[in-house]
Amino acid sequence: MIGTILWAIIGGAIVGMLGRLLLPGRQNISVWVTIGVGIAAALLGGVIADWLGVGDTRGIDWIRHAIQIALAVLFVWLAARFMGSSERRKTA
């Protein structure tokens, strides 16, 4: 159980950072938001990959990882939009 949680945090941080790197432009979100978004993307991407039947294959699960990273890009973009809009409202 603890190992699963630890791997979710580590894997989520990696997926979140990859999503942030692939998204063009500057994102005004913290590292903690990036990790949280990455964890959500990794978990949801794993569920979607399992649902599609490609979640567990021999070797590296490339399709599952592609789904997770695509979701991370989407979630980072959404977080940057919502966090950025709240920052703009504070200064206006």
C-alpha atoms as a PDB file:
ATOM      1  CA  MET A   1       0.000   0.000   0.000  1.00  0.00           C
ATOM      2  CA  ILE A   2       2.709   2.481   0.951  1.00  0.00           C
ATOM      3  CA  GLY A   3       4.742   1.399  -2.077  1.00  0.00           C
ATOM      4  CA  THR A   4       1.766   2.111  -4.353  1.00  0.00           C
ATOM      5  CA  ILE A   5       1.324   5.574  -2.875  1.00  0.00           C
ATOM      6  CA  LEU A   6       5.046   6.286  -3.159  1.00  0.00           C
ATOM      7  CA  TRP A   7       5.137   5.182  -6.812  1.00  0.00           C
ATOM      8  CA  ALA A   8       2.017   7.267  -7.542  1.00  0.00           C
ATOM      9  CA  ILE A   9       3.776  10.340  -6.161  1.00  0.00           C
ATOM     10  CA  ILE A  10       7.053   9.663  -8.006  1.00  0.00           C
ATOM     11  CA  GLY A  11       5.344   8.655 -11.255  1.00  0.00           C
ATOM     12  CA  GLY A  12       2.919  11.561 -10.983  1.00  0.00           C
ATOM     13  CA  ALA A  13       5.755  14.029 -10.496  1.00  0.00           C
ATOM     14  CA  ILE A  14       7.507  12.705 -13.594  1.00  0.00           C
ATOM     15  CA  VAL A  15       4.318  12.703 -15.679  1.00  0.00           C
ATOM     16  CA  GLY A  16       3.440  16.226 -14.476  1.00  0.00           C
ATOM     17  CA  MET A  17       6.877  17.577 -15.297  1.00  0.00           C
ATOM     18  CA  LEU A  18       6.793  15.978 -18.753  1.00  0.00           C
ATOM     19  CA  GLY A  19       3.366  17.479 -19.353  1.00  0.00           C
ATOM     20  CA  ARG A  20       4.631  20.883 -18.282  1.00  0.00           C
ATOM     21  CA  LEU A  21       7.695  20.593 -20.516  1.00  0.00           C
ATOM     22  CA  LEU A  22       5.612  19.644 -23.543  1.00  0.00           C
ATOM     23  CA  LEU A  23       3.162  22.516 -23.076  1.00  0.00           C
ATOM     24  CA  PRO A  24       4.462  25.594 -24.899  1.00  0.00           C
ATOM     25  CA  GLY A  25       4.677  28.891 -23.080  1.00  0.00           C
ATOM     26  CA  ARG A  26       4.999  29.808 -19.445  1.00  0.00           C
ATOM     27  CA  GLN A  27       2.735  28.312 -16.809  1.00  0.00           C
ATOM     28  CA  ASN A  28       2.234  30.240 -13.590  1.00  0.00           C
ATOM     29  CA  ILE A  29       1.682  27.216 -11.374  1.00  0.00           C
ATOM     30  CA  SER A  30       3.756  25.872  -8.520  1.00  0.00           C
ATOM     31  CA  VAL A  31       5.714  22.654  -8.472  1.00  0.00           C
ATOM     32  CA  TRP A  32       3.172  21.214  -6.021  1.00  0.00           C
ATOM     33  CA  VAL A  33       0.310  21.888  -8.436  1.00  0.00           C
ATOM     34  CA  THR A  34       2.355  20.257 -11.206  1.00  0.00           C
ATOM     35  CA  ILE A  35       2.902  17.162  -9.051  1.00  0.00           C
ATOM     36  CA  GLY A  36      -0.772  17.014  -8.090  1.00  0.00           C
ATOM     37  CA  VAL A  37      -1.827  17.373 -11.712  1.00  0.00           C
ATOM     38  CA  GLY A  38       0.685  14.685 -12.676  1.00  0.00           C
ATOM     39  CA  ILE A  39      -0.645  12.268 -10.063  1.00  0.00           C
ATOM     40  CA  ALA A  40      -4.212  12.837 -11.281  1.00  0.00           C
ATOM     41  CA  ALA A  41      -3.144  12.369 -14.909  1.00  0.00           C
ATOM     42  CA  ALA A  42      -1.175   9.216 -14.106  1.00  0.00           C
ATOM     43  CA  LEU A  43      -4.065   7.646 -12.196  1.00  0.00           C
ATOM     44  CA  LEU A  44      -6.739   8.607 -14.728  1.00  0.00           C
ATOM     45  CA  GLY A  45      -4.502   7.646 -17.646  1.00  0.00           C
ATOM     46  CA  GLY A  46      -3.919   4.230 -16.086  1.00  0.00           C
ATOM     47  CA  VAL A  47      -7.652   3.705 -15.664  1.00  0.00           C
ATOM     48  CA  ILE A  48      -8.340   4.748 -19.277  1.00  0.00           C
ATOM     49  CA  ALA A  49      -5.556   2.488 -20.565  1.00  0.00           C
ATOM     50  CA  ASP A  50      -6.946  -0.452 -18.570  1.00  0.00           C
ATOM     51  CA  TRP A  51     -10.421   0.295 -19.921  1.00  0.00           C
ATOM     52  CA  LEU A  52      -9.021   0.284 -23.481  1.00  0.00           C
ATOM     53  CA  GLY A  53      -7.176  -2.972 -22.794  1.00  0.00           C
ATOM     54  CA  VAL A  54      -3.656  -1.555 -23.199  1.00  0.00           C
ATOM     55  CA  GLY A  55      -2.846  -0.889 -19.552  1.00  0.00           C
ATOM     56  CA  ASP A  56      -0.686  -3.928 -18.958  1.00  0.00           C
ATOM     57  CA  THR A  57       1.396  -5.323 -21.782  1.00  0.00           C
ATOM     58  CA  ARG A  58       4.723  -7.096 -22.057  1.00  0.00           C
ATOM     59  CA  GLY A  59       7.584  -4.653 -21.784  1.00  0.00           C
ATOM     60  CA  ILE A  60       7.011  -0.927 -21.544  1.00  0.00           C
ATOM     61  CA  ASP A  61       3.406   0.252 -21.707  1.00  0.00           C
ATOM     62  CA  TRP A  62       3.966   2.994 -24.286  1.00  0.00           C
ATOM     63  CA  ILE A  63       0.295   3.605 -25.007  1.00  0.00           C
ATOM     64  CA  ARG A  64      -0.543   3.942 -21.310  1.00  0.00           C
ATOM     65  CA  HIS A  65       2.309   6.407 -20.811  1.00  0.00           C
ATOM     66  CA  ALA A  66       1.272   8.411 -23.886  1.00  0.00           C
ATOM     67  CA  ILE A  67      -2.274   8.682 -22.514  1.00  0.00           C
ATOM     68  CA  GLN A  68      -0.939   9.769 -19.113  1.00  0.00           C
ATOM     69  CA  ILE A  69       1.341  12.429 -20.596  1.00  0.00           C
ATOM     70  CA  ALA A  70      -1.402  13.742 -22.900  1.00  0.00           C
ATOM     71  CA  LEU A  71      -3.698  14.067 -19.885  1.00  0.00           C
ATOM     72  CA  ALA A  72      -0.904  15.797 -17.949  1.00  0.00           C
ATOM     73  CA  VAL A  73      -0.514  18.369 -20.733  1.00  0.00           C
ATOM     74  CA  LEU A  74      -4.277  18.984 -20.655  1.00  0.00           C
ATOM     75  CA  PHE A  75      -4.407  19.204 -16.855  1.00  0.00           C
ATOM     76  CA  VAL A  76      -1.372  21.524 -16.664  1.00  0.00           C
ATOM     77  CA  TRP A  77      -2.981  23.771 -19.272  1.00  0.00           C
ATOM     78  CA  LEU A  78      -6.247  23.824 -17.308  1.00  0.00           C
ATOM     79  CA  ALA A  79      -4.439  24.501 -14.017  1.00  0.00           C
ATOM     80  CA  ALA A  80      -2.419  27.320 -15.604  1.00  0.00           C
ATOM     81  CA  ARG A  81      -5.578  28.882 -17.015  1.00  0.00           C
ATOM     82  CA  PHE A  82      -7.455  28.747 -13.713  1.00  0.00           C
ATOM     83  CA  MET A  83      -4.465  29.731 -11.555  1.00  0.00           C
ATOM     84  CA  GLY A  84      -3.442  32.461 -14.007  1.00  0.00           C
ATOM     85  CA  SER A  85      -6.924  33.923 -14.114  1.00  0.00           C
ATOM     86  CA  SER A  86      -7.058  34.142 -10.313  1.00  0.00           C
ATOM     87  CA  GLU A  87      -3.669  35.890 -10.304  1.00  0.00           C
ATOM     88  CA  ARG A  88      -4.906  38.395 -12.898  1.00  0.00           C
ATOM     89  CA  ARG A  89      -7.999  39.136 -10.801  1.00  0.00           C
ATOM     90  CA  LYS A  90      -5.835  39.871  -7.736  1.00  0.00           C
ATOM     91  CA  THR A  91      -3.772  42.470  -9.573  1.00  0.00           C
ATOM     92  CA  ALA A  92      -6.686  44.115 -11.372  1.00  0.00           C
END
